[in-house]
């Protein structure tokens, strides 16, 4: 195939994608059948099927059992604004919301566990060391929007008043203030943003379709070069954009 020339199924998918974007195939409209695609574009059944699969993988259409394939109504992406640490008594989860008028709530659950090799590398500790793991489900106006899992070494927080991130006198105040209460001064935070296919339990919890992509913010707080907390923040990639506002010094 000459350079720059697309396979037939991608050309068909591209034309259908354009029709969706321009409104010729609006939300909830039925996608042309495989036979119709074959006739309209002069392609084989295999090409027509592969083109439909591309649009489904991109999340533009969805199949309905016994009915056909329909154009999905895509939500307008919202922003998660990242501006660094802000002092105050609001939760960092609340701070991560772009819409200040949103009514944010969350559920959380903490439990101790042994550190996995992956998290041990991020926290610069040995695999098997004890951690406090806290899972969150964040909602805005009742709708699930964000998942987060954090890990804190018990070597740092064990036997202290801040052992549980969401309980005690500083529950919900965020890593920086909680650590300061036990004389651990957080002075740096590193965030790495990536995308991957969502795990089934993640996309279901977020109200999406299993297999669709998610954005993951892997965040680690440091105190004097020592990691004291690391977390994965997960959002649906088709619903959010992460916007960084960074000061210029």
Protein backbone atom coordinates (compact mmCIF):
# COMPACT_ATOMS: atom_id res chain seq x y z
CA UNK A 1 0.00 0.00 0.00
CA UNK A 2 1.50 3.39 -1.00
CA UNK A 3 2.57 5.70 1.82
CA UNK A 4 -0.30 7.85 3.05
CA UNK A 5 -3.02 5.65 1.58
CA UNK A 6 -5.48 4.33 4.14
CA UNK A 7 -6.97 0.84 4.22
CA UNK A 8 -10.54 0.72 2.93
CA UNK A 9 -12.09 0.14 6.37
CA UNK A 10 -10.39 3.27 7.76
CA UNK A 11 -11.61 5.37 4.82
CA UNK A 12 -15.17 4.18 5.44
CA UNK A 13 -14.86 4.74 9.19
CA UNK A 14 -13.43 8.21 8.54
CA UNK A 15 -16.37 9.22 6.35
CA UNK A 16 -18.90 7.93 8.88
CA UNK A 17 -16.98 9.70 11.66
CA UNK A 18 -17.20 12.94 9.69
CA UNK A 19 -20.96 12.53 9.28
CA UNK A 20 -21.30 12.04 13.02
CA UNK A 21 -19.16 15.10 13.77
CA UNK A 22 -21.09 17.29 11.31
CA UNK A 23 -24.51 16.13 12.53
CA UNK A 24 -25.56 14.21 9.44
CA UNK A 25 -25.72 11.25 11.81
CA UNK A 26 -26.93 12.91 15.03
CA UNK A 27 -26.96 11.33 18.51
CA UNK A 28 -29.33 8.35 18.77
CA UNK A 29 -29.47 7.99 14.96
CA UNK A 30 -29.12 4.46 13.68
CA UNK A 31 -25.84 3.76 11.92
CA UNK A 32 -26.27 2.42 8.37
CA UNK A 33 -26.45 -1.36 8.36
CA UNK A 34 -23.55 -3.48 7.23
CA UNK A 35 -25.34 -4.18 3.94
CA UNK A 36 -26.00 -0.46 3.43
CA UNK A 37 -22.34 0.41 4.08
CA UNK A 38 -21.26 -2.29 1.66
CA UNK A 39 -23.51 -0.93 -1.09
CA UNK A 40 -22.87 2.77 -0.48
CA UNK A 41 -19.10 2.51 -0.34
CA UNK A 42 -18.63 -0.43 -2.70
CA UNK A 43 -16.73 -2.50 -0.16
CA UNK A 44 -16.88 -6.06 1.11
CA UNK A 45 -18.78 -7.27 4.17
CA UNK A 46 -15.47 -7.62 5.97
CA UNK A 47 -14.53 -3.99 5.33
CA UNK A 48 -17.99 -2.77 6.39
CA UNK A 49 -17.79 -4.79 9.60
CA UNK A 50 -14.30 -3.53 10.43
CA UNK A 51 -15.37 0.08 9.86
CA UNK A 52 -18.23 -0.35 12.33
CA UNK A 53 -15.82 -1.93 14.82
CA UNK A 54 -13.55 1.14 14.57
CA UNK A 55 -16.39 3.50 15.45
CA UNK A 56 -17.45 1.28 18.35
CA UNK A 57 -13.87 1.14 19.67
CA UNK A 58 -13.72 4.95 19.49
CA UNK A 59 -16.91 5.19 21.55
CA UNK A 60 -18.82 7.02 18.83
CA UNK A 61 -21.49 4.34 18.41
CA UNK A 62 -22.96 1.59 20.54
CA UNK A 63 -24.70 -1.66 19.74
CA UNK A 64 -28.18 -2.39 21.06
CA UNK A 65 -29.14 -6.03 21.25
CA UNK A 66 -31.65 -6.97 18.57
CA UNK A 67 -31.93 -3.39 17.33
CA UNK A 68 -28.74 -2.27 15.61
CA UNK A 69 -25.91 0.21 16.11
CA UNK A 70 -26.64 3.79 17.15
CA UNK A 71 -24.69 7.04 17.46
CA UNK A 72 -23.82 7.80 21.07
CA UNK A 73 -24.57 11.14 22.66
CA UNK A 74 -21.16 12.25 23.85
CA UNK A 75 -20.92 14.48 26.91
CA UNK A 76 -19.21 17.83 26.58
CA UNK A 77 -15.76 17.41 28.17
CA UNK A 78 -15.27 19.10 31.52
CA UNK A 79 -11.97 20.40 32.82
CA UNK A 80 -10.06 19.23 35.84
CA UNK A 81 -7.91 22.22 36.71
CA UNK A 82 -4.52 21.50 38.28
CA UNK A 83 -2.97 24.53 39.94
CA UNK A 84 -0.82 22.98 42.62
CA UNK A 85 -1.48 22.90 46.36
CA UNK A 86 -3.85 25.45 47.83
CA UNK A 87 -4.08 25.94 51.56
CA UNK A 88 -7.37 25.79 53.37
CA UNK A 89 -9.71 23.21 54.75
CA UNK A 90 -11.23 21.99 51.48
CA UNK A 91 -10.53 18.48 50.26
CA UNK A 92 -8.07 18.08 47.39
CA UNK A 93 -10.81 16.23 45.55
CA UNK A 94 -12.97 19.33 45.72
CA UNK A 95 -10.03 21.42 44.53
CA UNK A 96 -9.62 19.19 41.48
CA UNK A 97 -13.03 20.17 40.13
CA UNK A 98 -13.07 22.80 37.40
CA UNK A 99 -16.65 23.86 38.11
CA UNK A 100 -16.64 25.64 41.44
CA UNK A 101 -20.44 25.55 41.56
CA UNK A 102 -20.52 21.75 41.37
CA UNK A 103 -21.86 19.94 44.40
CA UNK A 104 -19.13 17.42 45.09
CA UNK A 105 -19.43 14.46 47.43
CA UNK A 106 -17.35 11.33 47.80
CA UNK A 107 -17.27 7.91 49.34
CA UNK A 108 -14.08 6.42 50.75
CA UNK A 109 -12.82 3.23 52.32
CA UNK A 110 -9.42 2.60 53.91
CA UNK A 111 -7.65 -0.64 54.73
CA UNK A 112 -4.14 -1.86 55.38
CA UNK A 113 -2.35 -4.02 52.84
CA UNK A 114 1.09 -5.17 51.76
CA UNK A 115 2.85 -3.02 49.20
CA UNK A 116 2.93 -4.32 45.63
CA UNK A 117 6.16 -4.07 43.59
CA UNK A 118 4.69 -1.27 41.43
CA UNK A 119 3.67 0.90 44.38
CA UNK A 120 6.90 0.04 46.22
CA UNK A 121 8.85 1.53 43.32
CA UNK A 122 6.81 4.72 43.45
CA UNK A 123 7.18 5.04 47.23
CA UNK A 124 10.83 3.87 47.20
CA UNK A 125 10.18 1.19 49.78
CA UNK A 126 10.44 -2.60 49.79
CA UNK A 127 7.61 -4.74 48.36
CA UNK A 128 5.57 -6.25 51.14
CA UNK A 129 5.88 -3.29 53.51
CA UNK A 130 2.61 -2.27 55.12
CA UNK A 131 0.51 0.52 53.61
CA UNK A 132 -2.76 2.28 54.21
CA UNK A 133 -4.75 2.10 50.98
CA UNK A 134 -7.73 4.43 50.56
CA UNK A 135 -10.18 4.19 47.68
CA UNK A 136 -12.47 7.04 46.66
CA UNK A 137 -15.45 7.46 44.40
CA UNK A 138 -16.11 11.13 43.72
CA UNK A 139 -19.51 12.41 42.54
CA UNK A 140 -20.65 15.75 41.15
CA UNK A 141 -24.37 16.45 41.34
CA UNK A 142 -24.85 12.77 42.14
CA UNK A 143 -23.06 11.49 39.03
CA UNK A 144 -19.83 9.44 39.38
CA UNK A 145 -16.94 11.44 37.92
CA UNK A 146 -13.64 10.34 39.43
CA UNK A 147 -11.97 7.36 41.07
CA UNK A 148 -8.87 7.63 43.21
CA UNK A 149 -6.70 5.20 45.12
CA UNK A 150 -4.01 6.45 47.47
CA UNK A 151 -1.25 4.61 49.30
CA UNK A 152 0.60 5.85 52.38
CA UNK A 153 3.46 3.93 54.09
CA UNK A 154 2.65 2.97 57.65
CA UNK A 155 6.32 3.71 58.37
CA UNK A 156 5.26 7.37 58.02
CA UNK A 157 1.69 7.49 59.37
CA UNK A 158 1.44 4.38 61.56
CA UNK A 159 0.53 5.00 65.20
CA UNK A 160 -0.27 8.66 64.49
CA UNK A 161 -3.52 10.69 64.53
CA UNK A 162 -3.46 10.86 60.70
CA UNK A 163 -3.34 7.11 60.10
CA UNK A 164 -6.72 7.22 58.33
CA UNK A 165 -6.91 9.93 55.63
CA UNK A 166 -10.65 10.53 56.02
CA UNK A 167 -11.04 10.11 59.77
CA UNK A 168 -9.72 11.79 62.90
CA UNK A 169 -9.09 15.47 63.61
CA UNK A 170 -7.63 16.15 60.15
CA UNK A 171 -9.79 13.77 58.15
CA UNK A 172 -10.33 15.02 54.61
CA UNK A 173 -7.84 17.89 54.93
CA UNK A 174 -5.42 16.55 52.34
CA UNK A 175 -1.92 15.10 52.39
CA UNK A 176 0.00 18.35 52.99
CA UNK A 177 -1.87 19.41 56.12
CA UNK A 178 -2.10 15.89 57.52
CA UNK A 179 1.62 15.31 57.12
CA UNK A 180 2.43 18.70 58.64
CA UNK A 181 0.52 17.63 61.74
CA UNK A 182 3.09 14.87 62.31
CA UNK A 183 6.07 17.12 61.46
CA UNK A 184 6.48 15.83 57.91
CA UNK A 185 6.90 18.81 55.59
CA UNK A 186 5.69 18.11 52.05
CA UNK A 187 7.69 20.27 49.66
CA UNK A 188 7.16 18.75 46.23
CA UNK A 189 4.58 16.88 44.19
CA UNK A 190 5.04 15.02 40.92
CA UNK A 191 2.19 14.17 38.55
CA UNK A 192 2.41 11.89 35.53
CA UNK A 193 -0.59 11.84 33.18
CA UNK A 194 -1.28 8.87 30.93
CA UNK A 195 -4.10 7.09 29.15
CA UNK A 196 -5.02 3.41 28.97
CA UNK A 197 -8.05 1.20 28.38
CA UNK A 198 -10.24 1.35 31.45
CA UNK A 199 -10.58 -1.73 33.59
CA UNK A 200 -14.12 -3.11 33.59
CA UNK A 201 -14.69 -2.22 37.24
CA UNK A 202 -13.43 1.34 36.65
CA UNK A 203 -15.56 2.16 33.64
CA UNK A 204 -18.66 0.58 35.20
CA UNK A 205 -18.13 2.61 38.40
CA UNK A 206 -17.77 5.76 36.28
CA UNK A 207 -20.91 5.02 34.27
CA UNK A 208 -19.04 4.25 31.05
CA UNK A 209 -18.54 1.32 28.72
CA UNK A 210 -15.91 -1.34 29.57
CA UNK A 211 -12.86 -1.01 27.36
CA UNK A 212 -13.12 2.73 26.79
CA UNK A 213 -10.06 4.78 27.64
CA UNK A 214 -9.42 6.49 30.94
CA UNK A 215 -7.00 9.24 31.93
CA UNK A 216 -4.80 8.42 34.91
CA UNK A 217 -2.98 11.02 37.00
CA UNK A 218 -0.27 9.24 38.98
CA UNK A 219 0.51 11.71 41.78
CA UNK A 220 3.24 11.42 44.40
CA UNK A 221 3.91 13.76 47.32
CA UNK A 222 7.49 14.15 48.58
CA UNK A 223 8.97 15.43 51.83
CA UNK A 224 12.67 16.19 51.54
CA UNK A 225 12.99 13.79 48.63
CA UNK A 226 11.11 10.98 50.39
CA UNK A 227 7.76 9.88 48.91
CA UNK A 228 5.10 9.98 51.63
CA UNK A 229 1.97 9.33 49.54
CA UNK A 230 1.17 8.22 46.03
CA UNK A 231 -2.19 8.03 44.30
CA UNK A 232 -3.87 7.20 41.01
CA UNK A 233 -6.71 9.52 39.97
CA UNK A 234 -8.85 8.00 37.20
CA UNK A 235 -11.42 9.76 34.98
CA UNK A 236 -13.17 8.83 31.73
CA UNK A 237 -11.06 10.15 28.84
CA UNK A 238 -14.10 11.18 26.77
CA UNK A 239 -15.53 13.29 29.59
CA UNK A 240 -12.56 15.19 30.96
CA UNK A 241 -9.60 17.31 29.99
CA UNK A 242 -6.83 17.99 32.47
CA UNK A 243 -5.82 21.65 32.47
CA UNK A 244 -2.57 22.70 34.16
CA UNK A 245 -2.23 26.30 35.33
CA UNK A 246 1.41 26.76 36.36
CA UNK A 247 3.05 29.95 37.64
CA UNK A 248 5.97 31.41 35.71
CA UNK A 249 8.82 32.45 37.98
